């Protein structure tokens, strides 16, 4: 009797627990739709090796909507095909509503170059008095040889507003150092960079990290087309920034104590003056980043922004690629959307998806598994627990029966 009971228990314990087939494997991830490209001329310089970006985080990839979690193209269903460009990633969004109209690899890591100066402006422009006069130091002029500069002089004294205009009109790298030092307080330039990174985190720009205030290449420095749109939206919400961005010329004051005359600088963003309704923006270039661009324009009461990374200058320059993408965005219906720009300070953006976007995203495999289970059971965990509880109860019953059989035989022998 005891042997039969133990054999029965063994057969139960060794039998596999059957889990519904829906949990055996997750649904395959759909292939990304290739982004429209134009052929880069053979004479274009080869791209230098990129530093290794941080590992992609699924939650960060879906910020703004699950449709944006793609390395490929995402556009509104039924809308016109976007133009081919050389940029490796781009995004078009509505500055006022925050709706993303379309994108190519919006959350792919890229190298910013001078468009990073927009993060400096977003983080520090509200902190600094434009009428304050700042003295430039020798350390402020420590920039890469041959890189863009305004022409500020060590020992020169300039209003902060002039330094901002030098940053935005002429992409002055020494101007970025001055502003970061001034805004960084006791920590100096390092404090300014830290403030930039803290502000990026506040915006929800999870794929942005600044190593330099100017955008000159530095270790661990990254951004994305989506993050640049978040940053640009804050910039263009500031009337002071908008005024600076549309300034065509500005005169750098003379430094009489240094025996230097004043001079005039011009706006280096070709979109201003060449694109109807242009609101301004920022150009960028390094050998590593290639051409980067952020630009905004207004048409029929609608304000759009375009961001792009990793572009070549032929057959279209960076700002020209931004212009054709803006034209494409303005041609879309006002309610077109594939995602959204999250609001500043939003702790954990909830991924959302518009029902009218392409390509279609795979359904959540957990939801598909839930439909194959009985009400109140949401996965294999409860089945395993129930099975274990059942086996445990059966073993306890067998032990009691064996113990009872032994006591009975003992009474009979007595």
Protein backbone atom coordinates (compact mmCIF):
# COMPACT_ATOMS: atom_id res chain seq x y z
CA UNK A 1 0.00 0.00 0.00
CA UNK A 2 2.75 2.44 0.98
CA UNK A 3 4.72 1.68 -2.17
CA UNK A 4 1.71 2.35 -4.39
CA UNK A 5 1.05 5.67 -2.65
CA UNK A 6 4.70 6.78 -3.00
CA UNK A 7 4.72 5.80 -6.67
CA UNK A 8 1.60 7.86 -7.28
CA UNK A 9 3.16 10.89 -5.54
CA UNK A 10 6.35 10.57 -7.58
CA UNK A 11 4.44 10.52 -10.84
CA UNK A 12 2.64 13.75 -9.86
CA UNK A 13 5.83 15.53 -8.76
CA UNK A 14 7.72 14.60 -11.94
CA UNK A 15 4.93 15.57 -14.34
CA UNK A 16 5.54 18.92 -16.19
CA UNK A 17 3.34 21.92 -15.45
CA UNK A 18 1.61 22.90 -18.69
CA UNK A 19 1.78 26.62 -19.49
CA UNK A 20 -0.42 28.08 -22.26
CA UNK A 21 1.39 28.30 -25.59
CA UNK A 22 0.92 32.07 -25.70
CA UNK A 23 3.62 32.38 -23.00
CA UNK A 24 6.13 30.17 -24.74
CA UNK A 25 7.53 32.98 -26.90
CA UNK A 26 6.94 36.72 -27.21
CA UNK A 27 5.54 38.11 -30.43
CA UNK A 28 8.31 39.02 -32.90
CA UNK A 29 9.24 42.70 -33.15
CA UNK A 30 8.22 44.13 -36.53
CA UNK A 31 11.04 45.28 -38.79
CA UNK A 32 11.61 49.04 -38.89
CA UNK A 33 10.44 50.84 -42.01
CA UNK A 34 13.49 52.29 -43.82
CA UNK A 35 13.71 56.08 -43.82
CA UNK A 36 13.72 57.85 -47.20
CA UNK A 37 17.32 58.60 -48.16
CA UNK A 38 19.10 60.47 -50.89
CA UNK A 39 22.36 59.21 -52.33
CA UNK A 40 25.41 60.83 -50.80
CA UNK A 41 28.03 61.80 -53.40
CA UNK A 42 31.09 59.57 -53.48
CA UNK A 43 33.30 62.54 -52.63
CA UNK A 44 31.55 63.06 -49.30
CA UNK A 45 33.88 62.50 -46.34
CA UNK A 46 33.59 59.17 -44.58
CA UNK A 47 32.06 59.27 -41.13
CA UNK A 48 34.62 58.75 -38.34
CA UNK A 49 33.97 56.02 -35.77
CA UNK A 50 31.31 56.94 -33.25
CA UNK A 51 31.90 56.47 -29.53
CA UNK A 52 29.79 53.69 -28.05
CA UNK A 53 26.46 55.11 -26.89
CA UNK A 54 24.91 53.97 -23.62
CA UNK A 55 22.70 50.87 -23.92
CA UNK A 56 19.21 51.56 -25.21
CA UNK A 57 16.51 51.46 -22.51
CA UNK A 58 13.08 50.31 -23.68
CA UNK A 59 11.28 52.80 -21.44
CA UNK A 60 13.33 55.70 -22.86
CA UNK A 61 12.73 54.56 -26.43
CA UNK A 62 8.96 54.84 -25.91
CA UNK A 63 8.93 58.34 -24.39
CA UNK A 64 6.28 60.29 -26.25
CA UNK A 65 4.48 57.23 -27.56
CA UNK A 66 5.17 53.61 -28.42
CA UNK A 67 5.12 54.40 -32.17
CA UNK A 68 8.30 56.44 -31.65
CA UNK A 69 10.22 53.40 -30.37
CA UNK A 70 11.71 52.64 -33.77
CA UNK A 71 15.02 53.09 -35.54
CA UNK A 72 13.09 53.57 -38.79
CA UNK A 73 10.37 55.78 -40.18
CA UNK A 74 7.07 56.61 -38.48
CA UNK A 75 4.50 58.83 -40.23
CA UNK A 76 0.74 59.39 -40.08
CA UNK A 77 -1.24 56.79 -42.01
CA UNK A 78 -2.43 58.00 -45.39
CA UNK A 79 -0.16 61.04 -45.39
CA UNK A 80 2.41 62.00 -48.05
CA UNK A 81 5.81 60.34 -48.05
CA UNK A 82 8.46 62.55 -46.39
CA UNK A 83 11.34 63.78 -48.56
CA UNK A 84 14.59 61.89 -48.76
CA UNK A 85 17.43 63.41 -46.73
CA UNK A 86 20.93 62.36 -45.68
CA UNK A 87 20.27 62.89 -41.94
CA UNK A 88 20.53 59.68 -39.95
CA UNK A 89 17.65 60.77 -37.70
CA UNK A 90 15.08 63.58 -37.70
CA UNK A 91 11.78 64.71 -36.21
CA UNK A 92 9.06 67.26 -37.04
CA UNK A 93 6.73 68.48 -34.27
CA UNK A 94 4.20 71.19 -33.49
CA UNK A 95 5.70 73.71 -31.06
CA UNK A 96 2.34 74.68 -29.59
CA UNK A 97 0.45 71.38 -29.26
CA UNK A 98 3.53 69.20 -28.77
CA UNK A 99 2.25 66.68 -31.33
CA UNK A 100 4.98 64.81 -33.22
CA UNK A 101 4.07 64.78 -36.92
CA UNK A 102 6.67 62.29 -38.09
CA UNK A 103 10.17 61.07 -37.42
CA UNK A 104 13.03 58.83 -38.45
CA UNK A 105 14.79 57.09 -35.56
CA UNK A 106 13.61 59.76 -33.11
CA UNK A 107 15.22 58.15 -30.06
CA UNK A 108 18.46 57.01 -31.73
CA UNK A 109 21.59 58.37 -30.06
CA UNK A 110 23.47 60.99 -32.06
CA UNK A 111 26.27 63.52 -31.59
CA UNK A 112 24.92 67.08 -31.24
CA UNK A 113 27.70 69.49 -32.31
CA UNK A 114 26.62 73.13 -31.85
CA UNK A 115 22.88 72.50 -31.61
CA UNK A 116 23.77 71.65 -28.01
CA UNK A 117 24.04 75.40 -27.47
CA UNK A 118 20.23 75.37 -27.39
CA UNK A 119 20.36 73.30 -24.20
CA UNK A 120 22.72 75.89 -22.72
CA UNK A 121 20.23 78.62 -23.65
CA UNK A 122 17.21 76.72 -22.32
CA UNK A 123 18.92 76.00 -19.00
CA UNK A 124 20.70 79.30 -18.31
CA UNK A 125 19.05 82.14 -20.24
CA UNK A 126 16.33 82.65 -17.59
CA UNK A 127 19.00 82.76 -14.86
CA UNK A 128 21.27 85.45 -16.30
CA UNK A 129 20.65 89.20 -16.39
CA UNK A 130 21.11 90.30 -20.02
CA UNK A 131 22.35 93.74 -18.87
CA UNK A 132 25.06 92.35 -16.61
CA UNK A 133 28.60 93.01 -17.85
CA UNK A 134 30.94 90.03 -17.74
CA UNK A 135 34.72 90.00 -18.08
CA UNK A 136 36.11 87.31 -20.38
CA UNK A 137 38.96 85.22 -18.96
CA UNK A 138 41.82 83.47 -20.68
CA UNK A 139 40.27 80.11 -19.76
CA UNK A 140 37.06 81.08 -21.62
CA UNK A 141 39.09 81.20 -24.83
CA UNK A 142 40.32 77.64 -24.42
CA UNK A 143 38.49 76.16 -27.41
CA UNK A 144 39.45 73.80 -30.20
CA UNK A 145 41.72 75.42 -32.76
CA UNK A 146 39.80 76.35 -35.90
CA UNK A 147 36.38 76.00 -34.26
CA UNK A 148 33.72 78.71 -34.48
CA UNK A 149 34.25 81.81 -32.35
CA UNK A 150 32.79 85.29 -32.02
CA UNK A 151 36.06 87.10 -31.37
CA UNK A 152 35.69 87.90 -27.68
CA UNK A 153 38.93 89.04 -26.04
CA UNK A 154 40.52 87.99 -22.77
CA UNK A 155 40.01 90.91 -20.40
CA UNK A 156 37.20 92.27 -22.55
CA UNK A 157 33.98 93.38 -20.92
CA UNK A 158 30.69 92.56 -22.64
CA UNK A 159 26.98 92.68 -21.76
CA UNK A 160 25.52 89.21 -21.27
CA UNK A 161 23.05 89.93 -24.08
CA UNK A 162 25.96 90.44 -26.48
CA UNK A 163 27.44 87.12 -25.41
CA UNK A 164 24.10 85.35 -26.05
CA UNK A 165 23.91 86.91 -29.52
CA UNK A 166 27.47 85.81 -30.20
CA UNK A 167 26.46 82.29 -29.17
CA UNK A 168 23.33 82.08 -31.31
CA UNK A 169 24.30 84.15 -34.36
CA UNK A 170 27.94 83.09 -34.77
CA UNK A 171 27.96 79.84 -32.74
CA UNK A 172 30.78 81.20 -30.61
CA UNK A 173 32.35 78.43 -28.59
CA UNK A 174 34.13 80.90 -26.32
CA UNK A 175 30.75 82.57 -25.73
CA UNK A 176 29.41 79.20 -24.56
CA UNK A 177 32.30 78.93 -22.08
CA UNK A 178 31.61 82.42 -20.73
CA UNK A 179 27.89 81.77 -20.23
CA UNK A 180 28.43 78.34 -18.66
CA UNK A 181 30.99 79.78 -16.24
CA UNK A 182 28.71 82.64 -15.33
CA UNK A 183 25.66 80.41 -14.88
CA UNK A 184 27.62 77.74 -13.02
CA UNK A 185 28.27 79.95 -10.00
CA UNK A 186 31.00 78.77 -7.67
CA UNK A 187 31.54 75.65 -9.79
CA UNK A 188 32.29 77.71 -12.87
CA UNK A 189 32.03 76.10 -16.29
CA UNK A 190 31.57 72.62 -14.78
CA UNK A 191 28.60 73.94 -12.83
CA UNK A 192 27.08 75.28 -16.03
CA UNK A 193 27.39 71.88 -17.73
CA UNK A 194 25.88 70.22 -14.68
CA UNK A 195 22.94 72.65 -14.86
CA UNK A 196 22.48 71.71 -18.52
CA UNK A 197 22.28 68.02 -17.70
CA UNK A 198 19.91 68.60 -14.81
CA UNK A 199 17.65 70.65 -17.04
CA UNK A 200 17.69 67.94 -19.73
CA UNK A 201 16.56 65.44 -17.11
CA UNK A 202 13.78 67.81 -16.02
CA UNK A 203 12.57 68.09 -19.62
CA UNK A 204 12.42 64.32 -20.03
CA UNK A 205 15.33 64.38 -22.50
CA UNK A 206 16.60 61.02 -21.30
CA UNK A 207 19.03 60.47 -24.17
CA UNK A 208 20.87 63.76 -23.78
CA UNK A 209 24.10 64.23 -21.88
CA UNK A 210 26.37 67.26 -22.25
CA UNK A 211 30.12 67.07 -21.75
CA UNK A 212 30.88 70.56 -23.08
CA UNK A 213 28.73 73.71 -23.04
CA UNK A 214 29.44 74.49 -26.71
CA UNK A 215 28.76 71.13 -28.33
CA UNK A 216 32.41 70.55 -29.18
CA UNK A 217 32.84 66.78 -29.03
CA UNK A 218 33.45 65.34 -25.60
CA UNK A 219 33.36 61.86 -24.04
CA UNK A 220 29.90 60.56 -23.29
CA UNK A 221 28.12 63.39 -25.13
CA UNK A 222 24.88 62.41 -26.86
CA UNK A 223 21.43 63.56 -27.80
CA UNK A 224 18.53 62.47 -30.03
CA UNK A 225 16.18 64.12 -32.51
CA UNK A 226 13.35 63.76 -30.00
CA UNK A 227 15.33 65.32 -27.16
CA UNK A 228 16.35 68.25 -29.35
CA UNK A 229 12.68 68.93 -30.04
CA UNK A 230 11.96 69.02 -26.30
CA UNK A 231 14.81 71.50 -25.82
CA UNK A 232 13.81 73.63 -28.82
CA UNK A 233 10.22 73.84 -27.60
CA UNK A 234 11.40 75.46 -24.36
CA UNK A 235 13.68 77.86 -26.25
CA UNK A 236 10.98 79.06 -28.65
CA UNK A 237 8.57 79.57 -25.75
CA UNK A 238 10.94 82.28 -24.44
CA UNK A 239 10.33 85.68 -26.12
CA UNK A 240 13.92 86.74 -25.42
CA UNK A 241 15.28 83.70 -27.22
CA UNK A 242 12.92 84.30 -30.16
CA UNK A 243 14.17 87.87 -30.45
CA UNK A 244 17.79 86.75 -30.39
CA UNK A 245 17.14 83.96 -32.91
CA UNK A 246 15.68 86.43 -35.46
CA UNK A 247 18.35 89.10 -34.99
CA UNK A 248 20.07 89.61 -38.33
CA UNK A 249 23.11 91.60 -37.20
CA UNK A 250 24.67 92.78 -33.94
CA UNK A 251 27.63 94.98 -33.15
CA UNK A 252 30.25 93.68 -30.73
CA UNK A 253 31.35 96.71 -28.68
CA UNK A 254 34.87 98.11 -28.86
CA UNK A 255 37.30 97.27 -26.07
CA UNK A 256 39.11 100.55 -25.67
CA UNK A 257 41.13 99.39 -22.67
CA UNK A 258 42.58 96.71 -24.94
CA UNK A 259 42.95 98.99 -27.94
CA UNK A 260 40.46 96.97 -30.04
CA UNK A 261 37.66 98.32 -32.22
CA UNK A 262 34.15 96.97 -32.33
CA UNK A 263 32.83 94.87 -35.20
CA UNK A 264 29.59 93.47 -36.58
CA UNK A 265 28.38 89.87 -36.62
CA UNK A 266 25.63 88.34 -38.77
CA UNK A 267 23.07 85.59 -38.21
CA UNK A 268 24.63 82.35 -39.43
CA UNK A 269 21.31 80.46 -39.74
CA UNK A 270 20.38 80.58 -43.47
CA UNK A 271 16.75 79.69 -42.68
CA UNK A 272 16.30 83.25 -41.38
CA UNK A 273 15.65 85.45 -44.39
CA UNK A 274 15.33 82.55 -46.85
CA UNK A 275 12.37 80.58 -45.53
CA UNK A 276 8.97 82.27 -45.25
CA UNK A 277 7.88 82.48 -41.63
CA UNK A 278 11.26 81.39 -40.24
CA UNK A 279 11.54 81.70 -36.45
CA UNK A 280 15.23 80.84 -36.24
CA UNK A 281 17.17 77.89 -34.94
CA UNK A 282 20.73 76.59 -34.78
CA UNK A 283 23.24 74.93 -37.08
CA UNK A 284 26.02 72.58 -36.00
CA UNK A 285 28.98 70.66 -37.40
CA UNK A 286 31.94 68.60 -36.21
CA UNK A 287 33.82 65.88 -38.06
CA UNK A 288 32.26 63.35 -35.71
CA UNK A 289 28.69 64.68 -35.61
CA UNK A 290 28.61 65.77 -39.28
CA UNK A 291 25.87 68.36 -39.88
CA UNK A 292 23.15 68.87 -37.28
CA UNK A 293 20.27 71.31 -37.38
CA UNK A 294 17.30 72.70 -35.45
CA UNK A 295 14.90 75.13 -37.11
CA UNK A 296 11.39 76.46 -36.60
CA UNK A 297 8.88 78.34 -38.75
CA UNK A 298 5.31 79.63 -38.63
CA UNK A 299 2.67 79.29 -41.36
CA UNK A 300 -1.06 80.02 -41.13
CA UNK A 301 -0.87 80.31 -37.36
CA UNK A 302 0.89 76.97 -37.01
CA UNK A 303 4.43 76.73 -35.58
CA UNK A 304 6.55 73.69 -36.42
CA UNK A 305 10.06 72.66 -35.43
CA UNK A 306 12.42 70.28 -37.20
CA UNK A 307 15.48 68.59 -35.70
CA UNK A 308 18.03 66.46 -37.53
CA UNK A 309 21.32 64.73 -36.78
CA UNK A 310 24.14 63.16 -38.79
CA UNK A 311 23.53 64.82 -42.16
CA UNK A 312 25.94 65.40 -45.04
CA UNK A 313 26.04 68.75 -46.82
CA UNK A 314 25.49 67.31 -50.30
CA UNK A 315 23.24 67.26 -52.21
CA UNK A 316 21.44 69.47 -49.62
CA UNK A 317 22.92 71.36 -46.72
CA UNK A 318 21.59 70.73 -43.23
CA UNK A 319 19.29 73.75 -43.11
CA UNK A 320 17.92 72.88 -46.58
CA UNK A 321 17.05 69.40 -45.36
CA UNK A 322 15.31 71.04 -42.41
CA UNK A 323 13.40 73.30 -44.81
CA UNK A 324 12.02 70.46 -46.96
CA UNK A 325 10.99 68.55 -43.84
CA UNK A 326 9.18 71.66 -42.57
CA UNK A 327 7.38 71.90 -45.93
CA UNK A 328 6.33 68.26 -45.52
CA UNK A 329 5.09 68.94 -41.99
CA UNK A 330 3.03 71.96 -43.02
CA UNK A 331 1.39 69.85 -45.75
CA UNK A 332 0.01 67.42 -43.14
CA UNK A 333 -3.42 67.92 -41.54
CA UNK A 334 -3.40 69.84 -38.27
CA UNK A 335 -4.57 66.77 -36.36
CA UNK A 336 -1.85 64.49 -37.79
CA UNK A 337 0.18 62.84 -35.03
CA UNK A 338 2.39 59.85 -34.32
CA UNK A 339 3.27 60.81 -30.74
CA UNK A 340 3.88 63.79 -28.53
CA UNK A 341 6.52 65.88 -26.84
CA UNK A 342 6.27 65.25 -23.11
CA UNK A 343 5.78 68.21 -20.80
CA UNK A 344 8.68 69.47 -18.62
CA UNK A 345 8.79 67.87 -15.20
CA UNK A 346 6.58 64.94 -16.15
CA UNK A 347 7.97 62.19 -13.87
CA UNK A 348 7.29 59.08 -15.93
CA UNK A 349 5.86 59.69 -19.39
CA UNK A 350 3.12 57.22 -20.19
CA UNK A 351 3.68 55.75 -23.67
CA UNK A 352 0.73 56.41 -25.93
CA UNK A 353 0.08 55.48 -29.52
CA UNK A 354 -2.08 57.09 -32.14
CA UNK A 355 -4.29 54.57 -33.94
CA UNK A 356 -3.45 56.16 -37.31
CA UNK A 357 0.30 55.75 -37.58
CA UNK A 358 2.51 53.60 -39.76
CA UNK A 359 4.16 51.19 -39.35
CA UNK A 360 1.76 49.27 -37.08
CA UNK A 361 3.35 48.34 -33.79
CA UNK A 362 3.24 44.84 -32.39
CA UNK A 363 0.58 44.23 -29.76
CA UNK A 364 1.75 43.78 -26.20
CA UNK A 365 2.46 40.03 -25.89
CA UNK A 366 1.19 40.12 -22.31
CA UNK A 367 -2.23 41.28 -23.51
CA UNK A 368 -2.35 38.50 -26.12
CA UNK A 369 -1.50 35.95 -23.44
CA UNK A 370 -4.15 37.34 -21.11
CA UNK A 371 -6.90 36.68 -23.69
CA UNK A 372 -6.07 32.95 -23.72
CA UNK A 373 -6.48 32.54 -19.98
CA UNK A 374 -9.50 32.21 -17.75
CA UNK A 375 -10.97 35.27 -16.05
CA UNK A 376 -8.92 36.36 -13.07
CA UNK A 377 -5.71 34.62 -14.28
CA UNK A 378 -3.22 36.91 -15.93
CA UNK A 379 -0.19 34.74 -16.61
CA UNK A 380 1.78 31.57 -15.86
CA UNK A 381 2.65 32.70 -12.33
CA UNK A 382 -0.79 31.89 -10.81
CA UNK A 383 -0.85 28.51 -12.61
CA UNK A 384 2.50 27.55 -11.16
CA UNK A 385 1.44 28.62 -7.69
CA UNK A 386 -1.79 26.65 -7.95
CA UNK A 387 0.02 23.57 -9.23
CA UNK A 388 2.59 23.76 -6.44
CA UNK A 389 -0.14 24.16 -3.84
CA UNK A 390 -1.99 21.13 -5.24
CA UNK A 391 1.12 18.94 -5.22
CA UNK A 392 1.97 20.06 -1.70
CA UNK A 393 -1.52 19.12 -0.46
CA UNK A 394 -1.30 15.69 -2.14
CA UNK A 395 2.06 14.97 -0.51
CA UNK A 396 0.70 15.95 2.90
CA UNK A 397 -2.28 13.60 2.39
CA UNK A 398 0.00 10.71 1.45
CA UNK A 399 2.17 11.25 4.53
CA UNK A 400 -0.90 11.19 6.78
CA UNK A 401 -2.17 7.95 5.15
CA UNK A 402 1.19 6.23 5.56
CA UNK A 403 1.43 7.32 9.19
CA UNK A 404 -2.14 6.12 9.84
CA UNK A 405 -1.35 2.72 8.20
CA UNK A 406 1.69 2.25 10.45
CA UNK A 407 -0.35 3.01 13.60
CA UNK A 408 -3.03 0.50 12.51
CA UNK A 409 -0.45 -2.29 11.99
CA UNK A 410 1.03 -1.52 15.41
CA UNK A 411 -2.37 -1.89 17.10
CA UNK A 412 -2.99 -5.22 15.34
CA UNK A 413 0.38 -6.63 16.52
CA UNK A 414 -0.44 -5.52 20.08
